[in-house]
Structures are given as structure tokens and as C-alpha cells.
N, C-alpha and C. Protein backbone atom coordinates (compact mmCIF):
# COMPACT_ATOMS: atom_id res chain seq x y z
N MET A 1 -21.57 6.27 -6.97
CA MET A 1 -21.22 5.16 -8.00
C MET A 1 -20.25 4.26 -7.37
N GLN A 2 -20.49 3.00 -7.05
CA GLN A 2 -19.56 2.09 -6.46
C GLN A 2 -18.41 1.80 -7.39
N LEU A 3 -17.28 1.71 -7.02
CA LEU A 3 -16.09 1.49 -7.97
C LEU A 3 -15.83 -0.03 -7.96
N LEU A 4 -15.46 -0.25 -9.10
CA LEU A 4 -15.13 -1.79 -9.42
C LEU A 4 -13.43 -1.77 -9.47
N PHE A 5 -13.00 -2.50 -8.50
CA PHE A 5 -11.50 -2.71 -8.38
C PHE A 5 -11.21 -4.05 -8.87
N LEU A 6 -10.39 -4.24 -9.78
CA LEU A 6 -9.85 -5.45 -10.19
C LEU A 6 -8.54 -6.01 -9.26
N MET A 7 -8.57 -7.23 -9.10
CA MET A 7 -7.24 -7.69 -8.43
C MET A 7 -6.17 -7.76 -9.44
N MET A 8 -5.09 -7.13 -9.05
CA MET A 8 -4.10 -7.18 -10.03
C MET A 8 -2.60 -7.38 -9.35
N LEU A 9 -1.83 -7.90 -10.02
CA LEU A 9 -0.40 -8.12 -9.56
C LEU A 9 0.62 -7.97 -10.61
N ILE A 10 1.33 -7.17 -10.61
CA ILE A 10 2.50 -6.82 -11.75
C ILE A 10 3.70 -7.81 -11.49
N ALA A 11 3.93 -8.39 -12.61
CA ALA A 11 5.17 -9.05 -12.77
C ALA A 11 6.22 -8.13 -13.10
N PHE A 12 7.18 -7.93 -12.34
CA PHE A 12 8.03 -6.69 -12.54
C PHE A 12 9.17 -7.19 -13.64
N THR A 13 9.46 -6.08 -14.53
CA THR A 13 10.48 -6.33 -15.47
C THR A 13 11.69 -5.49 -14.95
N ALA A 14 12.83 -5.73 -15.63
CA ALA A 14 14.03 -5.03 -15.17
C ALA A 14 13.79 -3.49 -15.26
N THR A 15 12.98 -3.06 -16.06
CA THR A 15 12.82 -1.52 -16.42
C THR A 15 11.58 -0.99 -15.69
N ALA A 16 10.78 -1.81 -15.06
CA ALA A 16 9.53 -1.22 -14.53
C ALA A 16 9.88 -0.25 -13.41
N ARG A 17 9.23 0.94 -13.39
CA ARG A 17 9.48 2.05 -12.56
C ARG A 17 8.30 2.43 -11.78
N ALA A 18 7.06 2.16 -12.21
CA ALA A 18 5.90 2.53 -11.48
C ALA A 18 4.94 1.37 -11.50
N LEU A 19 4.28 1.19 -10.29
CA LEU A 19 3.26 0.10 -10.38
C LEU A 19 2.02 0.41 -10.97
N PHE A 20 1.32 1.66 -10.64
CA PHE A 20 0.17 1.96 -11.27
C PHE A 20 -0.03 3.48 -11.06
N LEU A 21 -1.10 3.92 -11.87
CA LEU A 21 -1.43 5.25 -11.83
C LEU A 21 -2.93 5.32 -11.36
N CYS A 22 -3.16 6.11 -10.47
CA CYS A 22 -4.62 6.27 -10.05
C CYS A 22 -5.32 7.28 -10.82
N GLU A 23 -6.16 6.93 -11.67
CA GLU A 23 -6.89 7.72 -12.61
C GLU A 23 -7.97 8.44 -11.94
N ASN A 24 -8.14 9.67 -12.21
CA ASN A 24 -9.19 10.69 -11.50
C ASN A 24 -9.14 10.50 -9.95
N LYS A 25 -7.87 10.47 -9.41
CA LYS A 25 -7.61 10.52 -7.89
C LYS A 25 -8.56 11.52 -7.28
N ARG A 26 -9.20 11.03 -6.21
CA ARG A 26 -9.93 11.96 -5.44
C ARG A 26 -9.68 11.55 -4.00
N ILE A 27 -9.23 12.56 -3.18
CA ILE A 27 -9.04 12.43 -1.89
C ILE A 27 -10.14 12.45 -1.06
N LEU A 28 -10.57 11.46 -0.33
CA LEU A 28 -11.92 11.38 0.38
C LEU A 28 -11.74 12.05 1.85
N SER A 29 -10.52 11.84 2.37
CA SER A 29 -10.28 12.44 3.64
C SER A 29 -8.78 12.53 3.93
N THR A 30 -8.35 13.39 4.76
CA THR A 30 -6.94 13.67 5.15
C THR A 30 -6.97 13.89 6.68
N THR A 31 -6.08 12.98 7.29
CA THR A 31 -5.89 13.15 8.74
C THR A 31 -4.53 13.06 9.04
N TYR A 32 -3.95 13.38 10.19
CA TYR A 32 -2.68 13.33 10.69
C TYR A 32 -2.70 12.42 11.89
N VAL A 33 -1.71 11.42 11.91
CA VAL A 33 -1.82 10.32 12.99
C VAL A 33 -0.31 10.32 13.59
N GLY A 34 -0.21 9.38 14.62
CA GLY A 34 0.99 9.12 15.30
C GLY A 34 0.91 10.03 16.60
N GLU A 35 1.92 9.60 17.36
CA GLU A 35 2.01 10.26 18.71
C GLU A 35 2.13 11.86 18.55
N ASP A 36 3.00 12.38 17.53
CA ASP A 36 3.03 13.72 17.19
C ASP A 36 2.13 14.29 16.11
N HIS A 37 1.25 13.40 15.68
CA HIS A 37 0.35 13.93 14.49
C HIS A 37 1.12 14.43 13.39
N ASN A 38 2.22 13.81 12.94
CA ASN A 38 3.04 14.28 11.91
C ASN A 38 2.95 13.43 10.61
N VAL A 39 2.21 12.41 10.57
CA VAL A 39 2.24 11.34 9.43
C VAL A 39 0.69 11.75 8.82
N ARG A 40 0.77 12.13 7.60
CA ARG A 40 -0.42 12.26 6.81
C ARG A 40 -1.04 11.03 6.35
N VAL A 41 -2.34 10.99 6.50
CA VAL A 41 -3.25 9.63 6.10
C VAL A 41 -4.18 10.25 5.13
N GLU A 42 -4.09 9.64 3.82
CA GLU A 42 -5.25 10.02 2.91
C GLU A 42 -5.91 8.77 2.67
N ARG A 43 -7.33 8.78 2.57
CA ARG A 43 -8.17 7.77 1.98
C ARG A 43 -8.51 8.17 0.65
N VAL A 44 -8.01 7.52 -0.41
CA VAL A 44 -8.14 7.95 -1.82
C VAL A 44 -8.97 6.99 -2.63
N GLN A 45 -9.85 7.69 -3.46
CA GLN A 45 -10.63 6.84 -4.50
C GLN A 45 -10.08 7.03 -5.85
N CYS A 46 -10.02 5.99 -6.54
CA CYS A 46 -9.56 6.08 -8.12
C CYS A 46 -10.75 5.51 -8.85
N SER A 47 -10.95 6.31 -10.06
CA SER A 47 -11.91 5.72 -10.97
C SER A 47 -11.40 4.66 -11.67
N ASN A 48 -10.15 4.41 -11.84
CA ASN A 48 -9.55 3.25 -12.60
C ASN A 48 -8.01 3.20 -12.06
N ILE A 49 -7.57 2.05 -12.07
CA ILE A 49 -6.00 1.83 -11.96
C ILE A 49 -5.47 1.46 -13.25
N ILE A 50 -4.61 2.28 -13.62
CA ILE A 50 -3.78 2.04 -14.95
C ILE A 50 -2.35 1.59 -14.67
N LEU A 51 -2.08 0.50 -15.41
CA LEU A 51 -0.74 -0.19 -15.11
C LEU A 51 0.06 0.16 -16.36
N PRO A 52 1.52 0.15 -16.25
CA PRO A 52 2.33 0.25 -17.34
C PRO A 52 2.11 -0.69 -18.26
N GLN A 53 2.20 -0.46 -19.62
CA GLN A 53 1.75 -1.07 -20.76
C GLN A 53 2.62 -2.45 -20.73
N ASN A 54 3.83 -2.42 -20.46
CA ASN A 54 4.84 -3.55 -20.59
C ASN A 54 4.68 -4.67 -19.41
N ASP A 55 3.85 -4.28 -18.39
CA ASP A 55 3.73 -5.19 -17.24
C ASP A 55 2.73 -6.26 -17.61
N LYS A 56 2.97 -7.41 -17.11
CA LYS A 56 1.99 -8.56 -17.08
C LYS A 56 1.02 -8.41 -15.94
N VAL A 57 -0.21 -8.54 -16.17
CA VAL A 57 -1.25 -8.28 -15.15
C VAL A 57 -1.96 -9.72 -14.93
N PHE A 58 -2.18 -10.00 -13.67
CA PHE A 58 -3.04 -11.25 -13.36
C PHE A 58 -4.20 -10.64 -12.74
N VAL A 59 -5.45 -11.08 -13.23
CA VAL A 59 -6.69 -10.58 -12.70
C VAL A 59 -7.64 -11.84 -12.15
N ARG A 60 -8.09 -11.52 -11.03
CA ARG A 60 -8.88 -12.52 -10.33
C ARG A 60 -10.30 -11.80 -9.96
N GLU A 61 -11.34 -12.39 -10.28
CA GLU A 61 -12.63 -11.92 -9.81
C GLU A 61 -12.83 -12.31 -8.54
N VAL A 62 -13.53 -11.49 -7.54
CA VAL A 62 -14.01 -11.88 -6.24
C VAL A 62 -15.49 -12.02 -6.32
N LEU A 63 -15.84 -13.13 -5.87
CA LEU A 63 -17.50 -13.36 -5.94
C LEU A 63 -18.09 -12.91 -4.54
N GLY A 64 -19.07 -12.28 -4.68
CA GLY A 64 -19.81 -11.77 -3.41
C GLY A 64 -19.07 -10.59 -2.67
N GLU A 65 -19.72 -10.12 -1.65
CA GLU A 65 -19.33 -8.98 -0.85
C GLU A 65 -19.18 -9.78 0.52
N ARG A 66 -18.00 -9.56 1.20
CA ARG A 66 -17.95 -10.19 2.52
C ARG A 66 -16.61 -9.32 3.12
N GLN A 67 -16.66 -9.48 4.47
CA GLN A 67 -15.44 -8.90 5.07
C GLN A 67 -14.56 -9.93 5.41
N SER A 68 -13.35 -9.61 5.24
CA SER A 68 -12.30 -10.83 5.32
C SER A 68 -10.94 -10.14 6.04
N ASN A 69 -10.67 -10.69 7.09
CA ASN A 69 -9.57 -10.27 8.01
C ASN A 69 -8.29 -11.04 7.30
N VAL A 70 -7.41 -10.17 6.81
CA VAL A 70 -6.18 -10.63 6.11
C VAL A 70 -4.79 -10.34 7.08
N CYS A 71 -5.05 -10.15 8.30
CA CYS A 71 -3.88 -9.88 9.17
C CYS A 71 -3.23 -11.25 9.22
N GLY A 72 -1.80 -11.25 9.09
CA GLY A 72 -0.97 -12.35 9.15
C GLY A 72 -0.93 -13.08 7.83
N ALA A 73 -1.46 -12.63 6.74
CA ALA A 73 -1.53 -13.25 5.46
C ALA A 73 -0.06 -13.36 4.75
N THR A 74 0.20 -14.27 4.13
CA THR A 74 1.39 -14.48 3.36
C THR A 74 1.60 -13.58 2.31
N TYR A 75 2.82 -13.23 1.93
CA TYR A 75 3.17 -12.25 0.93
C TYR A 75 4.51 -12.57 0.21
N SER A 76 4.64 -11.80 -0.95
CA SER A 76 5.96 -11.89 -1.47
C SER A 76 6.51 -10.40 -1.50
N THR A 77 7.80 -10.27 -1.44
CA THR A 77 8.27 -8.98 -1.30
C THR A 77 9.12 -8.68 -2.67
N ASN A 78 8.94 -7.50 -3.25
CA ASN A 78 9.63 -7.14 -4.47
C ASN A 78 10.18 -5.66 -4.43
N CYS A 79 11.55 -5.72 -4.69
CA CYS A 79 12.19 -4.27 -4.67
C CYS A 79 12.18 -3.93 -6.08
N PHE A 80 11.91 -2.58 -6.34
CA PHE A 80 11.88 -2.03 -7.68
C PHE A 80 13.25 -1.78 -8.21
N PRO A 81 13.44 -2.36 -9.40
CA PRO A 81 14.95 -2.35 -9.78
C PRO A 81 15.24 -1.12 -10.37
N GLY A 82 16.52 -0.77 -10.33
CA GLY A 82 16.83 0.58 -10.93
C GLY A 82 17.49 1.54 -9.96
N ALA A 83 18.35 2.42 -10.45
CA ALA A 83 19.14 3.32 -9.51
C ALA A 83 18.21 4.39 -8.90
N GLY A 84 18.64 5.05 -7.92
CA GLY A 84 17.93 6.13 -7.40
C GLY A 84 17.55 5.93 -5.85
N GLY A 85 17.55 4.73 -5.36
CA GLY A 85 17.30 4.63 -4.10
C GLY A 85 16.02 4.89 -3.67
N GLY A 86 15.62 4.26 -2.38
CA GLY A 86 14.22 4.41 -1.91
C GLY A 86 14.16 5.61 -1.08
N PRO A 87 13.02 5.77 -0.34
CA PRO A 87 13.02 6.88 0.68
C PRO A 87 13.85 6.65 1.80
N ASP A 88 14.16 7.67 2.54
CA ASP A 88 14.91 7.60 3.90
C ASP A 88 14.33 6.54 4.73
N PRO A 89 14.98 5.56 5.14
CA PRO A 89 14.35 4.58 6.09
C PRO A 89 14.07 5.13 7.45
N ASN A 90 14.86 6.21 7.92
CA ASN A 90 14.50 6.75 9.09
C ASN A 90 13.12 7.48 9.18
N GLU A 91 12.85 8.01 8.02
CA GLU A 91 11.48 8.83 7.80
C GLU A 91 10.43 7.75 7.54
N CYS A 92 10.72 6.62 7.01
CA CYS A 92 9.78 5.60 6.99
C CYS A 92 9.64 5.04 8.33
N HIS A 93 10.49 4.89 9.18
CA HIS A 93 10.24 4.53 10.44
C HIS A 93 9.25 5.23 11.40
N VAL A 94 9.15 6.55 11.02
CA VAL A 94 8.22 7.52 11.55
C VAL A 94 6.70 6.89 11.14
N ILE A 95 6.54 6.58 9.96
CA ILE A 95 5.25 5.93 9.63
C ILE A 95 5.00 4.58 10.37
N ALA A 96 6.03 3.66 10.43
CA ALA A 96 5.85 2.54 11.17
C ALA A 96 5.40 2.68 12.60
N ASP A 97 6.02 3.69 13.18
CA ASP A 97 5.83 4.04 14.56
C ASP A 97 4.35 4.60 14.70
N ALA A 98 3.85 5.41 13.72
CA ALA A 98 2.60 5.97 13.77
C ALA A 98 1.57 4.94 13.66
N LEU A 99 1.76 3.96 12.91
CA LEU A 99 0.91 2.80 12.83
C LEU A 99 0.83 2.00 14.21
N LEU A 100 2.01 1.82 14.74
CA LEU A 100 2.01 1.11 16.14
C LEU A 100 1.30 1.82 17.15
N TYR A 101 1.42 3.27 17.07
CA TYR A 101 0.78 4.16 18.06
C TYR A 101 -0.75 4.06 17.94
N ASP A 102 -1.27 4.10 16.50
CA ASP A 102 -2.64 4.03 16.30
C ASP A 102 -3.21 2.69 16.72
N SER A 103 -2.34 1.62 16.40
CA SER A 103 -2.84 0.29 16.89
C SER A 103 -3.19 0.36 18.49
N GLN A 104 -2.35 0.92 19.17
CA GLN A 104 -2.58 0.76 20.61
C GLN A 104 -3.74 1.84 20.99
N ASN A 105 -3.84 2.91 20.35
CA ASN A 105 -4.81 4.09 20.67
C ASN A 105 -5.96 4.19 19.83
N ILE A 106 -6.10 3.72 18.87
CA ILE A 106 -7.37 3.61 18.00
C ILE A 106 -7.87 2.28 17.92
N GLY A 107 -6.95 1.39 17.52
CA GLY A 107 -7.52 -0.16 17.43
C GLY A 107 -6.53 -0.87 16.59
N PRO A 108 -6.51 -2.13 16.73
CA PRO A 108 -5.50 -2.87 16.09
C PRO A 108 -5.61 -3.08 14.59
N THR A 109 -6.90 -3.01 14.12
CA THR A 109 -7.19 -3.18 12.75
C THR A 109 -7.95 -2.04 12.12
N PHE A 110 -7.94 -2.04 10.74
CA PHE A 110 -8.67 -0.91 10.13
C PHE A 110 -9.30 -1.62 8.76
N ASP A 111 -10.31 -1.05 8.34
CA ASP A 111 -11.11 -1.58 7.06
C ASP A 111 -10.69 -0.85 6.02
N MET A 112 -10.66 -1.66 4.66
CA MET A 112 -10.56 -1.10 3.39
C MET A 112 -11.75 -1.63 2.70
N ASP A 113 -12.62 -0.44 2.54
CA ASP A 113 -14.03 -0.98 1.93
C ASP A 113 -14.25 -0.26 0.61
N PRO A 114 -14.31 -0.91 -0.35
CA PRO A 114 -14.52 -0.32 -1.80
C PRO A 114 -15.86 0.25 -1.87
N ALA A 115 -16.85 -0.22 -1.18
CA ALA A 115 -18.23 0.40 -1.31
C ALA A 115 -18.26 1.84 -0.76
N LYS A 116 -17.28 2.10 0.20
CA LYS A 116 -16.99 3.45 0.78
C LYS A 116 -15.94 4.25 0.14
N GLY A 117 -15.41 3.67 -0.85
CA GLY A 117 -14.33 4.39 -1.58
C GLY A 117 -13.04 4.40 -0.86
N THR A 118 -12.68 3.41 0.08
CA THR A 118 -11.48 3.24 0.83
C THR A 118 -10.65 2.19 0.45
N SER A 119 -10.40 1.94 -0.83
CA SER A 119 -9.47 0.79 -1.30
C SER A 119 -7.98 1.25 -1.19
N LEU A 120 -7.74 2.41 -1.11
CA LEU A 120 -6.41 2.82 -1.08
C LEU A 120 -6.19 3.88 0.03
N ILE A 121 -5.29 3.61 0.78
CA ILE A 121 -4.90 4.40 1.98
C ILE A 121 -3.46 4.69 1.93
N VAL A 122 -3.04 5.98 1.99
CA VAL A 122 -1.79 6.47 1.73
C VAL A 122 -1.27 7.34 2.91
N MET A 123 -0.21 6.85 3.48
CA MET A 123 0.64 7.48 4.58
C MET A 123 1.91 8.15 4.10
N THR A 124 2.15 9.47 4.42
CA THR A 124 3.36 10.23 4.02
C THR A 124 4.01 10.86 5.17
N TYR A 125 5.39 10.71 5.24
CA TYR A 125 6.12 11.53 6.09
C TYR A 125 7.43 11.89 5.39
N ARG A 126 7.67 13.14 5.17
CA ARG A 126 8.69 13.60 4.50
C ARG A 126 9.00 12.98 3.15
N SER A 127 10.12 12.26 2.99
CA SER A 127 10.41 11.53 1.83
C SER A 127 9.81 10.09 1.74
N CYS A 128 9.21 9.69 2.67
CA CYS A 128 8.62 8.47 2.71
C CYS A 128 7.06 8.40 2.38
N GLU A 129 6.68 7.55 1.45
CA GLU A 129 5.27 7.26 1.24
C GLU A 129 4.98 5.87 1.32
N SER A 130 3.93 5.51 1.99
CA SER A 130 3.55 3.92 2.01
C SER A 130 2.10 3.99 1.67
N PHE A 131 1.61 3.06 0.92
CA PHE A 131 0.18 2.92 0.72
C PHE A 131 -0.17 1.53 0.66
N ILE A 132 -1.40 1.25 1.11
CA ILE A 132 -1.84 -0.09 0.94
C ILE A 132 -3.16 -0.02 0.13
N VAL A 133 -3.39 -1.17 -0.80
CA VAL A 133 -4.36 -1.19 -1.76
C VAL A 133 -5.14 -2.50 -1.69
N ASN A 134 -6.39 -2.25 -1.45
CA ASN A 134 -7.35 -3.38 -1.51
C ASN A 134 -7.66 -3.63 -3.00
N GLN A 135 -7.33 -4.72 -3.65
CA GLN A 135 -7.59 -5.09 -5.08
C GLN A 135 -8.75 -5.87 -5.23
N THR A 136 -9.74 -5.94 -4.34
CA THR A 136 -10.97 -6.70 -4.48
C THR A 136 -12.17 -5.87 -4.38
N LYS A 137 -13.28 -6.44 -4.54
CA LYS A 137 -14.71 -5.81 -4.39
C LYS A 137 -15.13 -6.01 -2.90
N GLU A 138 -14.51 -6.71 -2.10
CA GLU A 138 -14.89 -7.15 -0.85
C GLU A 138 -14.24 -6.10 0.25
N THR A 139 -14.78 -6.07 1.43
CA THR A 139 -14.04 -5.26 2.49
C THR A 139 -12.96 -6.14 3.05
N LEU A 140 -11.77 -5.62 3.22
CA LEU A 140 -10.60 -6.30 3.89
C LEU A 140 -10.35 -5.58 5.15
N GLN A 141 -10.07 -6.26 6.19
CA GLN A 141 -9.55 -5.87 7.35
C GLN A 141 -8.15 -6.17 7.48
N TYR A 142 -7.26 -5.20 7.85
CA TYR A 142 -5.98 -5.40 7.96
C TYR A 142 -5.37 -4.87 9.40
N CYS A 143 -4.30 -5.45 9.80
CA CYS A 143 -3.62 -4.97 11.29
C CYS A 143 -2.62 -4.01 10.96
N ARG A 144 -2.72 -2.95 11.65
CA ARG A 144 -1.69 -1.75 11.71
C ARG A 144 -0.34 -2.25 12.10
N THR A 145 -0.21 -3.20 12.97
CA THR A 145 0.95 -3.68 13.33
C THR A 145 1.76 -4.56 12.04
N ASP A 146 0.86 -5.16 11.44
CA ASP A 146 1.34 -5.90 10.04
C ASP A 146 1.87 -4.87 9.07
N TRP A 147 1.24 -3.87 8.81
CA TRP A 147 1.58 -2.85 7.93
C TRP A 147 2.85 -2.03 8.43
N SER A 148 2.94 -1.81 9.77
CA SER A 148 4.05 -1.22 10.34
C SER A 148 5.39 -2.19 10.05
N ASN A 149 5.13 -3.39 10.24
CA ASN A 149 6.31 -4.24 9.98
C ASN A 149 6.74 -4.36 8.58
N LEU A 150 5.62 -4.28 7.64
CA LEU A 150 6.05 -4.33 6.13
C LEU A 150 6.85 -3.01 5.85
N VAL A 151 6.50 -1.82 6.38
CA VAL A 151 7.34 -0.64 6.14
C VAL A 151 8.54 -0.69 6.64
N SER A 152 8.70 -1.37 7.95
CA SER A 152 10.02 -1.45 8.48
C SER A 152 11.00 -2.37 7.85
N TYR A 153 10.41 -3.38 7.12
CA TYR A 153 11.17 -4.38 6.38
C TYR A 153 11.53 -3.68 4.96
N ILE A 154 10.63 -3.15 4.14
CA ILE A 154 10.85 -2.67 2.81
C ILE A 154 11.78 -1.47 2.72
N ALA A 155 11.55 -0.52 3.73
CA ALA A 155 12.36 0.72 3.62
C ALA A 155 13.85 0.50 3.64
N PRO A 156 14.36 -0.13 4.49
CA PRO A 156 15.95 -0.38 4.56
C PRO A 156 16.36 -1.28 3.40
N ASN A 157 15.54 -2.30 3.08
CA ASN A 157 15.97 -3.55 2.26
C ASN A 157 15.79 -3.23 0.74
N CYS A 158 15.19 -2.27 0.39
CA CYS A 158 14.88 -1.90 -1.04
C CYS A 158 15.38 -0.35 -1.42
N GLN A 159 16.76 -0.35 -1.19
CA GLN A 159 17.35 0.85 -1.22
C GLN A 159 18.62 0.85 -2.49
N ALA A 160 19.28 1.83 -2.59
CA ALA A 160 20.28 1.92 -3.69
C ALA A 160 21.32 0.84 -3.34
N THR A 161 21.49 0.39 -2.22
CA THR A 161 22.57 -0.56 -2.04
C THR A 161 22.23 -1.87 -2.58
N GLN A 162 20.76 -2.08 -2.74
CA GLN A 162 20.33 -3.32 -3.39
C GLN A 162 19.96 -2.95 -4.87
N ASN A 163 20.40 -1.89 -5.31
CA ASN A 163 19.97 -1.52 -6.70
C ASN A 163 18.65 -1.36 -6.91
N ALA A 164 17.95 -0.79 -5.86
CA ALA A 164 16.50 -0.76 -5.84
C ALA A 164 16.08 0.79 -5.45
N HIS A 165 14.87 1.13 -5.71
CA HIS A 165 14.29 2.52 -5.32
C HIS A 165 12.85 2.22 -4.79
N GLY A 166 12.85 1.49 -3.60
CA GLY A 166 11.58 1.14 -2.94
C GLY A 166 10.99 -0.21 -3.34
N GLY A 167 9.78 -0.50 -2.76
CA GLY A 167 9.39 -1.92 -3.14
C GLY A 167 7.98 -2.09 -2.55
N ASN A 168 7.58 -3.34 -2.73
CA ASN A 168 6.28 -3.61 -2.09
C ASN A 168 6.10 -5.02 -1.67
N CYS A 169 5.09 -5.32 -0.89
CA CYS A 169 4.67 -6.64 -0.49
C CYS A 169 3.40 -6.94 -0.87
N VAL A 170 3.29 -8.19 -1.70
CA VAL A 170 2.02 -8.39 -2.48
C VAL A 170 1.44 -9.81 -1.78
N ALA A 171 0.36 -9.64 -1.38
CA ALA A 171 -0.44 -10.75 -0.67
C ALA A 171 -0.31 -12.11 -1.75
N SER A 172 -0.10 -13.20 -1.13
CA SER A 172 0.03 -14.39 -1.95
C SER A 172 -1.22 -14.65 -2.78
N ASP A 173 -2.49 -14.21 -2.18
CA ASP A 173 -3.65 -14.49 -2.92
C ASP A 173 -4.03 -13.20 -3.74
N GLN A 174 -3.00 -12.19 -3.87
CA GLN A 174 -3.12 -11.12 -4.64
C GLN A 174 -4.28 -10.02 -4.43
N ARG A 175 -4.86 -10.17 -3.00
CA ARG A 175 -6.03 -9.34 -2.75
C ARG A 175 -5.56 -8.04 -2.30
N TRP A 176 -4.33 -7.91 -1.91
CA TRP A 176 -3.89 -6.43 -1.41
C TRP A 176 -2.44 -6.40 -1.53
N PHE A 177 -1.89 -5.28 -1.50
CA PHE A 177 -0.37 -4.89 -1.42
C PHE A 177 -0.04 -3.66 -0.63
N VAL A 178 1.09 -3.68 -0.19
CA VAL A 178 1.79 -2.51 0.58
C VAL A 178 2.82 -2.16 -0.11
N GLN A 179 2.95 -0.72 -0.40
CA GLN A 179 4.13 -0.34 -1.16
C GLN A 179 4.80 0.73 -0.32
N VAL A 180 6.17 0.80 -0.47
CA VAL A 180 6.89 1.96 0.12
C VAL A 180 7.78 2.52 -0.94
N GLN A 181 7.81 3.91 -1.03
CA GLN A 181 8.36 4.63 -2.18
C GLN A 181 8.77 5.94 -1.70
N HIS A 182 9.57 6.62 -2.46
CA HIS A 182 9.88 8.06 -2.29
C HIS A 182 8.77 8.89 -2.66
N SER A 183 8.32 9.69 -1.73
CA SER A 183 7.10 10.51 -1.92
C SER A 183 7.24 11.60 -2.90
């Protein structure tokens, strides 16, 4: 059964702590990447994405099925308010390096295809978790180097010193987002 993913963007409130909950999470595949094969990558399928009740959600329908390269797309960065700090930036750097390594050794881009259940890709190394979410019904193609750059930016800039505990970058057209948080 093909999943229907809505395009969503959360307008953060001062008390927002979680972006979404993946309902009926099913891990489709698990691999290990990077030069030392120490970063876990999961392709995840959700039957539904549940958002915190107090968050405002913007929904946009995508007409038709098509592949769209979103490398270099513009985005907004959000740090999640509240104490606690984010993941260890040094551990996030391992994920960023794994993405760069794979860019050179596997290929510069990857696909997020809802028809194949790969709208959510999660990378984890120790305290750091980063994931990318395709919020459309279309196949999106994204650059590993872009994801690496976002992880490298969010991890050190959305920490306790900024009164934050992780953050995300949301595409200006709201079709995708990358999040970095404590695993």
C-alpha cells in the first residue's frame, strides 16, 4: 500500500519539544556507512506522521508524481527551544563525514521515494541522530554534501549555549526537512 505523506511544517512555540511521531514505524533496511562503517542508516516507513497538538501545521498538496532534484534548495533553520542541549557536535561530525565519504564513493545524490517507502532516512552515531524527511508524494533527489553541511551547521549552533536542544532546516517550499537531535 502506497503511503500518503502530507507536506508539513511546524511553526515552533516556546515549549515545542518534538517535531513529529512516526506512527507504526517500520524499518525497511539498515546499513552502515562511512569510511569506518560506523554510522547506522535506516530507511523508515511511517503509516502516519503525528504532530504535537499545539503546533500549527501548514499543508500543501503535491500534484502528480515526478522526480525533483532539490540539491541547493533554500531553507530556514530552527533551533528547538528549551534546556538540555543537543547531541555532541563531534559525534554529529562523524555523520557529516560519512555523508561526504558516501558522496565520493557511492554517488553525490540519493532518492527519497514515497512509492518505495523511503520518505524518511535516519542516520545515527552515538548521541547524534540526523534524519531527512520527504514531505511530498513525489520522489525527491538530494545531495549528500548538502545534508552533510546541514548536520555540520545545526549540531554546534543549536546547543545549550543557544538555549536549544537540536534543530532542523526546513526547505523554503516545505517539501523536505533535515533534523539533528540527541539520539
